């Protein structure tokens, strides 16, 4: 598959794959620029919190690039699914909430399911 094919926005799979990738960007930036992010990792019980915050940011960067450019898409999407479920579990531990607008896990779960769909499609088609 050529690079042009991977960015063909008339292909609905590409749209979903790219959206799943691009949504990682604010998470990556937040880990670098928002001091409250470290506080979240402390409250969620990650030890040492700063190390886990940077590991999560690194994982998200790799997943973002893999999904965006269609590199090992099936594996990137499957790992993103698991990563986002861990994020949802950590968020639930801190907020005890489902509703996204009040800090709940709704957004992470939806995004994880989208990544699962990308992984399933990529494994089925061999992309």
N, C-alpha and C. Protein backbone atom coordinates (compact mmCIF):
# COMPACT_ATOMS: atom_id res chain seq x y z
N UNK A 1 0.85 -1.18 0.00
CA UNK A 1 0.00 0.00 0.00
C UNK A 1 0.89 1.24 0.00
N UNK A 2 0.66 2.14 -0.92
CA UNK A 2 1.47 3.36 -1.01
C UNK A 2 1.07 4.35 0.07
N UNK A 3 1.94 5.33 0.27
CA UNK A 3 1.65 6.39 1.25
C UNK A 3 0.38 7.14 0.86
N UNK A 4 0.20 7.37 -0.42
CA UNK A 4 -1.02 8.05 -0.90
C UNK A 4 -2.26 7.23 -0.56
N UNK A 5 -2.16 5.91 -0.69
CA UNK A 5 -3.29 5.04 -0.33
C UNK A 5 -3.59 5.10 1.16
N UNK A 6 -2.54 5.22 1.97
CA UNK A 6 -2.72 5.27 3.42
C UNK A 6 -3.39 6.57 3.88
N UNK A 7 -3.35 7.60 3.05
CA UNK A 7 -3.97 8.88 3.40
C UNK A 7 -5.15 9.21 2.50
N UNK A 8 -5.68 8.21 1.82
CA UNK A 8 -6.86 8.39 0.99
C UNK A 8 -8.07 8.53 1.91
N UNK A 9 -8.60 9.75 2.03
CA UNK A 9 -9.70 10.00 2.94
C UNK A 9 -11.05 9.57 2.39
N UNK A 10 -11.07 8.98 1.21
CA UNK A 10 -12.30 8.37 0.70
C UNK A 10 -12.43 6.93 1.22
N UNK A 11 -11.39 6.45 1.87
CA UNK A 11 -11.39 5.13 2.49
C UNK A 11 -11.72 5.31 3.97
N UNK A 12 -12.88 4.80 4.38
CA UNK A 12 -13.35 5.00 5.76
C UNK A 12 -12.41 4.40 6.80
N UNK A 13 -11.72 3.33 6.47
CA UNK A 13 -10.76 2.74 7.40
C UNK A 13 -9.62 3.71 7.68
N UNK A 14 -9.14 4.39 6.64
CA UNK A 14 -8.07 5.37 6.83
C UNK A 14 -8.51 6.49 7.76
N UNK A 15 -9.74 6.94 7.61
CA UNK A 15 -10.24 8.01 8.47
C UNK A 15 -10.21 7.57 9.93
N UNK A 16 -10.73 6.37 10.20
CA UNK A 16 -10.75 5.87 11.58
C UNK A 16 -9.34 5.69 12.12
N UNK A 17 -8.45 5.11 11.31
CA UNK A 17 -7.06 4.90 11.73
C UNK A 17 -6.37 6.22 12.04
N UNK A 18 -6.55 7.21 11.18
CA UNK A 18 -5.91 8.52 11.37
C UNK A 18 -6.48 9.22 12.60
N UNK A 19 -7.79 9.14 12.79
CA UNK A 19 -8.40 9.76 13.98
C UNK A 19 -7.86 9.11 15.25
N UNK A 20 -7.78 7.79 15.25
CA UNK A 20 -7.23 7.09 16.42
C UNK A 20 -5.81 7.56 16.71
N UNK A 21 -5.04 7.84 15.67
CA UNK A 21 -3.67 8.32 15.83
C UNK A 21 -3.63 9.75 16.34
N UNK A 22 -4.37 10.62 15.69
CA UNK A 22 -4.31 12.06 15.98
C UNK A 22 -4.79 12.37 17.40
N UNK A 23 -5.74 11.57 17.90
CA UNK A 23 -6.23 11.81 19.26
C UNK A 23 -5.14 11.59 20.31
N UNK A 24 -4.07 10.90 19.96
CA UNK A 24 -2.96 10.74 20.91
C UNK A 24 -2.17 12.04 21.09
N UNK A 25 -2.20 12.92 20.11
CA UNK A 25 -1.36 14.13 20.17
C UNK A 25 -1.63 14.98 21.41
N UNK A 26 -2.89 15.31 21.75
CA UNK A 26 -3.11 16.09 22.98
C UNK A 26 -2.64 15.35 24.24
N UNK A 27 -2.74 14.04 24.25
CA UNK A 27 -2.28 13.27 25.40
C UNK A 27 -0.76 13.36 25.53
N UNK A 28 -0.07 13.29 24.42
CA UNK A 28 1.39 13.39 24.43
C UNK A 28 1.81 14.79 24.88
N UNK A 29 1.20 15.79 24.30
CA UNK A 29 1.53 17.19 24.65
C UNK A 29 1.21 17.45 26.12
N UNK A 30 0.08 16.92 26.58
CA UNK A 30 -0.31 17.12 27.98
C UNK A 30 0.68 16.53 28.96
N UNK A 31 1.26 15.41 28.60
CA UNK A 31 2.23 14.78 29.48
C UNK A 31 3.50 15.63 29.61
N UNK A 32 3.75 16.46 28.62
CA UNK A 32 4.94 17.30 28.63
C UNK A 32 4.66 18.68 29.23
N UNK A 33 3.46 19.22 28.99
CA UNK A 33 3.20 20.62 29.32
C UNK A 33 2.25 20.87 30.48
N UNK A 34 1.50 19.86 30.92
CA UNK A 34 0.49 20.09 31.96
C UNK A 34 0.97 19.48 33.29
N UNK A 35 1.30 20.33 34.27
CA UNK A 35 1.80 19.81 35.54
C UNK A 35 0.82 18.87 36.25
N UNK A 36 -0.46 19.07 36.07
CA UNK A 36 -1.46 18.22 36.73
C UNK A 36 -1.39 16.77 36.25
N UNK A 37 -0.76 16.52 35.12
CA UNK A 37 -0.64 15.15 34.62
C UNK A 37 0.16 14.29 35.59
N UNK A 38 1.24 14.83 36.11
CA UNK A 38 2.03 14.08 37.09
C UNK A 38 1.20 13.79 38.33
N UNK A 39 0.41 14.74 38.74
CA UNK A 39 -0.48 14.57 39.89
C UNK A 39 -1.45 13.41 39.65
N UNK A 40 -1.95 13.31 38.42
CA UNK A 40 -2.84 12.20 38.08
C UNK A 40 -2.13 10.86 38.26
N UNK A 41 -0.90 10.75 37.78
CA UNK A 41 -0.15 9.50 37.90
C UNK A 41 0.12 9.16 39.37
N UNK A 42 0.30 10.19 40.21
CA UNK A 42 0.46 9.95 41.65
C UNK A 42 -0.84 9.39 42.23
N UNK A 43 -1.97 10.05 41.92
CA UNK A 43 -3.27 9.62 42.46
C UNK A 43 -3.67 8.24 41.96
N UNK A 44 -3.28 7.90 40.74
CA UNK A 44 -3.62 6.60 40.17
C UNK A 44 -2.77 5.48 40.76
N UNK A 45 -1.71 5.84 41.47
CA UNK A 45 -0.88 4.84 42.14
C UNK A 45 0.29 4.30 41.35
N UNK A 46 0.66 4.97 40.26
CA UNK A 46 1.83 4.54 39.50
C UNK A 46 3.09 4.91 40.27
N UNK A 47 4.03 3.96 40.40
CA UNK A 47 5.25 4.23 41.15
C UNK A 47 6.45 3.78 40.34
N UNK A 48 7.40 4.61 40.08
CA UNK A 48 7.42 6.05 40.32
C UNK A 48 6.58 6.79 39.27
N UNK A 49 5.79 7.75 39.68
CA UNK A 49 4.83 8.38 38.78
C UNK A 49 5.45 9.09 37.57
N UNK A 50 6.53 9.79 37.78
CA UNK A 50 7.15 10.52 36.66
C UNK A 50 7.67 9.55 35.60
N UNK A 51 8.26 8.47 36.05
CA UNK A 51 8.76 7.47 35.10
C UNK A 51 7.62 6.90 34.27
N UNK A 52 6.53 6.52 34.93
CA UNK A 52 5.38 5.96 34.21
C UNK A 52 4.73 6.98 33.29
N UNK A 53 4.74 8.23 33.70
CA UNK A 53 4.19 9.28 32.84
C UNK A 53 5.00 9.38 31.55
N UNK A 54 6.32 9.35 31.65
CA UNK A 54 7.16 9.43 30.46
C UNK A 54 7.09 8.15 29.63
N UNK A 55 6.97 7.00 30.29
CA UNK A 55 6.79 5.75 29.54
C UNK A 55 5.48 5.81 28.76
N UNK A 56 4.41 6.27 29.41
CA UNK A 56 3.12 6.38 28.72
C UNK A 56 3.22 7.34 27.54
N UNK A 57 3.91 8.46 27.73
CA UNK A 57 4.08 9.42 26.63
C UNK A 57 4.87 8.83 25.48
N UNK A 58 5.89 8.03 25.79
CA UNK A 58 6.69 7.38 24.75
C UNK A 58 5.85 6.35 24.00
N UNK A 59 5.11 5.54 24.74
CA UNK A 59 4.23 4.55 24.11
C UNK A 59 3.23 5.25 23.21
N UNK A 60 2.63 6.32 23.68
CA UNK A 60 1.64 7.05 22.89
C UNK A 60 2.25 7.65 21.63
N UNK A 61 3.49 8.11 21.72
CA UNK A 61 4.16 8.67 20.55
C UNK A 61 4.38 7.59 19.49
N UNK A 62 4.85 6.43 19.92
CA UNK A 62 5.08 5.31 18.99
C UNK A 62 3.75 4.86 18.38
N UNK A 63 2.72 4.74 19.20
CA UNK A 63 1.41 4.32 18.69
C UNK A 63 0.84 5.35 17.73
N UNK A 64 0.99 6.62 18.05
CA UNK A 64 0.51 7.68 17.17
C UNK A 64 1.16 7.59 15.80
N UNK A 65 2.47 7.46 15.78
CA UNK A 65 3.19 7.39 14.51
C UNK A 65 2.83 6.12 13.73
N UNK A 66 2.74 4.99 14.44
CA UNK A 66 2.38 3.74 13.79
C UNK A 66 1.00 3.80 13.16
N UNK A 67 0.04 4.33 13.91
CA UNK A 67 -1.32 4.44 13.38
C UNK A 67 -1.41 5.49 12.27
N UNK A 68 -0.77 6.61 12.47
CA UNK A 68 -0.86 7.70 11.49
C UNK A 68 -0.30 7.28 10.14
N UNK A 69 0.86 6.65 10.15
CA UNK A 69 1.52 6.28 8.89
C UNK A 69 1.25 4.84 8.45
N UNK A 70 0.40 4.14 9.20
CA UNK A 70 0.05 2.78 8.83
C UNK A 70 1.22 1.82 8.92
N UNK A 71 2.04 1.97 9.95
CA UNK A 71 3.20 1.11 10.16
C UNK A 71 2.82 0.06 11.20
N UNK A 72 2.85 -1.22 10.78
CA UNK A 72 2.41 -2.30 11.67
C UNK A 72 1.07 -1.94 12.31
N UNK A 73 0.14 -1.52 11.48
CA UNK A 73 -1.15 -1.00 11.94
C UNK A 73 -1.85 -1.95 12.91
N UNK A 74 -1.90 -3.22 12.57
CA UNK A 74 -2.63 -4.16 13.41
C UNK A 74 -2.05 -4.23 14.81
N UNK A 75 -0.72 -4.19 14.91
CA UNK A 75 -0.08 -4.28 16.22
C UNK A 75 -0.20 -2.95 16.97
N UNK A 76 -0.01 -1.85 16.27
CA UNK A 76 -0.14 -0.54 16.91
C UNK A 76 -1.56 -0.35 17.45
N UNK A 77 -2.55 -0.74 16.68
CA UNK A 77 -3.94 -0.58 17.11
C UNK A 77 -4.27 -1.50 18.27
N UNK A 78 -3.78 -2.74 18.23
CA UNK A 78 -4.03 -3.68 19.33
C UNK A 78 -3.38 -3.20 20.63
N UNK A 79 -2.15 -2.70 20.52
CA UNK A 79 -1.47 -2.17 21.71
C UNK A 79 -2.18 -0.90 22.19
N UNK A 80 -2.63 -0.07 21.26
CA UNK A 80 -3.38 1.14 21.64
C UNK A 80 -4.64 0.76 22.40
N UNK A 81 -5.33 -0.30 21.95
CA UNK A 81 -6.53 -0.77 22.64
C UNK A 81 -6.20 -1.09 24.10
N UNK A 82 -5.16 -1.87 24.32
CA UNK A 82 -4.78 -2.25 25.68
C UNK A 82 -4.33 -1.03 26.48
N UNK A 83 -3.52 -0.18 25.87
CA UNK A 83 -3.01 1.02 26.52
C UNK A 83 -4.17 1.91 26.98
N UNK A 84 -5.16 2.06 26.14
CA UNK A 84 -6.30 2.92 26.49
C UNK A 84 -7.18 2.28 27.55
N UNK A 85 -7.25 0.96 27.59
CA UNK A 85 -7.99 0.32 28.67
C UNK A 85 -7.27 0.51 30.01
N UNK A 86 -5.94 0.48 29.98
CA UNK A 86 -5.18 0.78 31.20
C UNK A 86 -5.42 2.23 31.62
N UNK A 87 -5.42 3.13 30.65
CA UNK A 87 -5.71 4.55 30.95
C UNK A 87 -7.10 4.71 31.54
N UNK A 88 -8.07 3.97 30.98
CA UNK A 88 -9.44 4.04 31.49
C UNK A 88 -9.50 3.51 32.93
N UNK A 89 -8.81 2.41 33.20
CA UNK A 89 -8.80 1.85 34.55
C UNK A 89 -8.17 2.82 35.54
N UNK A 90 -7.06 3.44 35.14
CA UNK A 90 -6.40 4.42 36.01
C UNK A 90 -7.31 5.63 36.24
N UNK A 91 -7.96 6.07 35.19
CA UNK A 91 -8.87 7.21 35.31
C UNK A 91 -10.03 6.86 36.24
N UNK A 92 -10.57 5.66 36.09
CA UNK A 92 -11.67 5.25 36.97
C UNK A 92 -11.21 5.17 38.43
N UNK A 93 -10.00 4.70 38.64
CA UNK A 93 -9.46 4.63 40.00
C UNK A 93 -9.41 6.01 40.65
N UNK A 94 -9.08 7.02 39.84
CA UNK A 94 -8.96 8.38 40.36
C UNK A 94 -10.31 9.08 40.46
N UNK A 95 -11.16 8.93 39.42
CA UNK A 95 -12.39 9.73 39.36
C UNK A 95 -13.65 8.99 39.78
N UNK A 96 -13.63 7.66 39.67
CA UNK A 96 -14.83 6.84 39.93
C UNK A 96 -16.02 7.31 39.11
N UNK A 97 -15.75 7.70 37.85
CA UNK A 97 -16.79 8.28 37.01
C UNK A 97 -16.74 7.68 35.61
N UNK A 98 -17.92 7.54 35.00
CA UNK A 98 -18.03 7.10 33.63
C UNK A 98 -18.05 8.29 32.68
N UNK A 99 -18.75 9.33 33.03
CA UNK A 99 -19.03 10.45 32.13
C UNK A 99 -17.76 11.25 31.85
N UNK A 100 -17.44 11.36 30.57
CA UNK A 100 -16.20 12.00 30.13
C UNK A 100 -16.10 13.46 30.56
N UNK A 101 -17.16 14.22 30.46
CA UNK A 101 -17.09 15.66 30.73
C UNK A 101 -16.80 15.99 32.18
N UNK A 102 -16.90 15.00 33.06
CA UNK A 102 -16.53 15.23 34.46
C UNK A 102 -15.32 14.36 34.84
N UNK A 103 -14.52 14.05 33.85
CA UNK A 103 -13.27 13.33 34.10
C UNK A 103 -13.38 11.82 34.09
N UNK A 104 -14.46 11.29 33.55
CA UNK A 104 -14.68 9.85 33.56
C UNK A 104 -14.00 9.12 32.42
N UNK A 105 -14.32 7.83 32.31
CA UNK A 105 -13.62 6.94 31.39
C UNK A 105 -14.31 6.76 30.04
N UNK A 106 -15.45 7.36 29.86
CA UNK A 106 -16.24 7.19 28.63
C UNK A 106 -15.39 7.40 27.36
N UNK A 107 -14.63 8.48 27.32
CA UNK A 107 -13.81 8.82 26.15
C UNK A 107 -12.74 7.76 25.90
N UNK A 108 -12.04 7.33 26.95
CA UNK A 108 -10.99 6.32 26.78
C UNK A 108 -11.56 5.00 26.29
N UNK A 109 -12.73 4.62 26.80
CA UNK A 109 -13.34 3.36 26.39
C UNK A 109 -13.77 3.44 24.92
N UNK A 110 -14.39 4.54 24.54
CA UNK A 110 -14.81 4.72 23.14
C UNK A 110 -13.60 4.67 22.21
N UNK A 111 -12.56 5.37 22.56
CA UNK A 111 -11.34 5.43 21.77
C UNK A 111 -10.68 4.05 21.70
N UNK A 112 -10.68 3.32 22.83
CA UNK A 112 -10.13 1.97 22.85
C UNK A 112 -10.90 1.06 21.89
N UNK A 113 -12.22 1.17 21.89
CA UNK A 113 -13.03 0.35 20.99
C UNK A 113 -12.73 0.70 19.54
N UNK A 114 -12.56 1.98 19.25
CA UNK A 114 -12.19 2.38 17.88
C UNK A 114 -10.86 1.76 17.48
N UNK A 115 -9.89 1.75 18.39
CA UNK A 115 -8.60 1.12 18.10
C UNK A 115 -8.75 -0.38 17.91
N UNK A 116 -9.64 -1.00 18.67
CA UNK A 116 -9.90 -2.43 18.49
C UNK A 116 -10.47 -2.71 17.11
N UNK A 117 -11.37 -1.86 16.64
CA UNK A 117 -11.94 -2.02 15.30
C UNK A 117 -10.84 -1.89 14.24
N UNK A 118 -9.95 -0.92 14.42
CA UNK A 118 -8.83 -0.76 13.49
C UNK A 118 -7.96 -2.02 13.50
N UNK A 119 -7.65 -2.53 14.69
CA UNK A 119 -6.82 -3.73 14.79
C UNK A 119 -7.50 -4.92 14.12
N UNK A 120 -8.78 -5.10 14.38
CA UNK A 120 -9.50 -6.23 13.78
C UNK A 120 -9.49 -6.14 12.26
N UNK A 121 -9.75 -4.97 11.74
CA UNK A 121 -9.75 -4.79 10.29
C UNK A 121 -8.35 -5.03 9.70
N UNK A 122 -7.35 -4.48 10.37
CA UNK A 122 -5.98 -4.62 9.86
C UNK A 122 -5.52 -6.08 9.91
N UNK A 123 -5.84 -6.80 10.97
CA UNK A 123 -5.48 -8.22 11.02
C UNK A 123 -6.21 -9.01 9.94
N UNK A 124 -7.49 -8.69 9.72
CA UNK A 124 -8.29 -9.42 8.73
C UNK A 124 -7.79 -9.18 7.31
N UNK A 125 -7.42 -7.93 7.03
CA UNK A 125 -7.02 -7.57 5.66
C UNK A 125 -5.52 -7.65 5.44
N UNK A 126 -4.76 -7.79 6.51
CA UNK A 126 -3.31 -7.87 6.39
C UNK A 126 -2.64 -6.53 6.11
N UNK A 127 -3.30 -5.45 6.49
CA UNK A 127 -2.73 -4.11 6.25
C UNK A 127 -1.64 -3.86 7.25
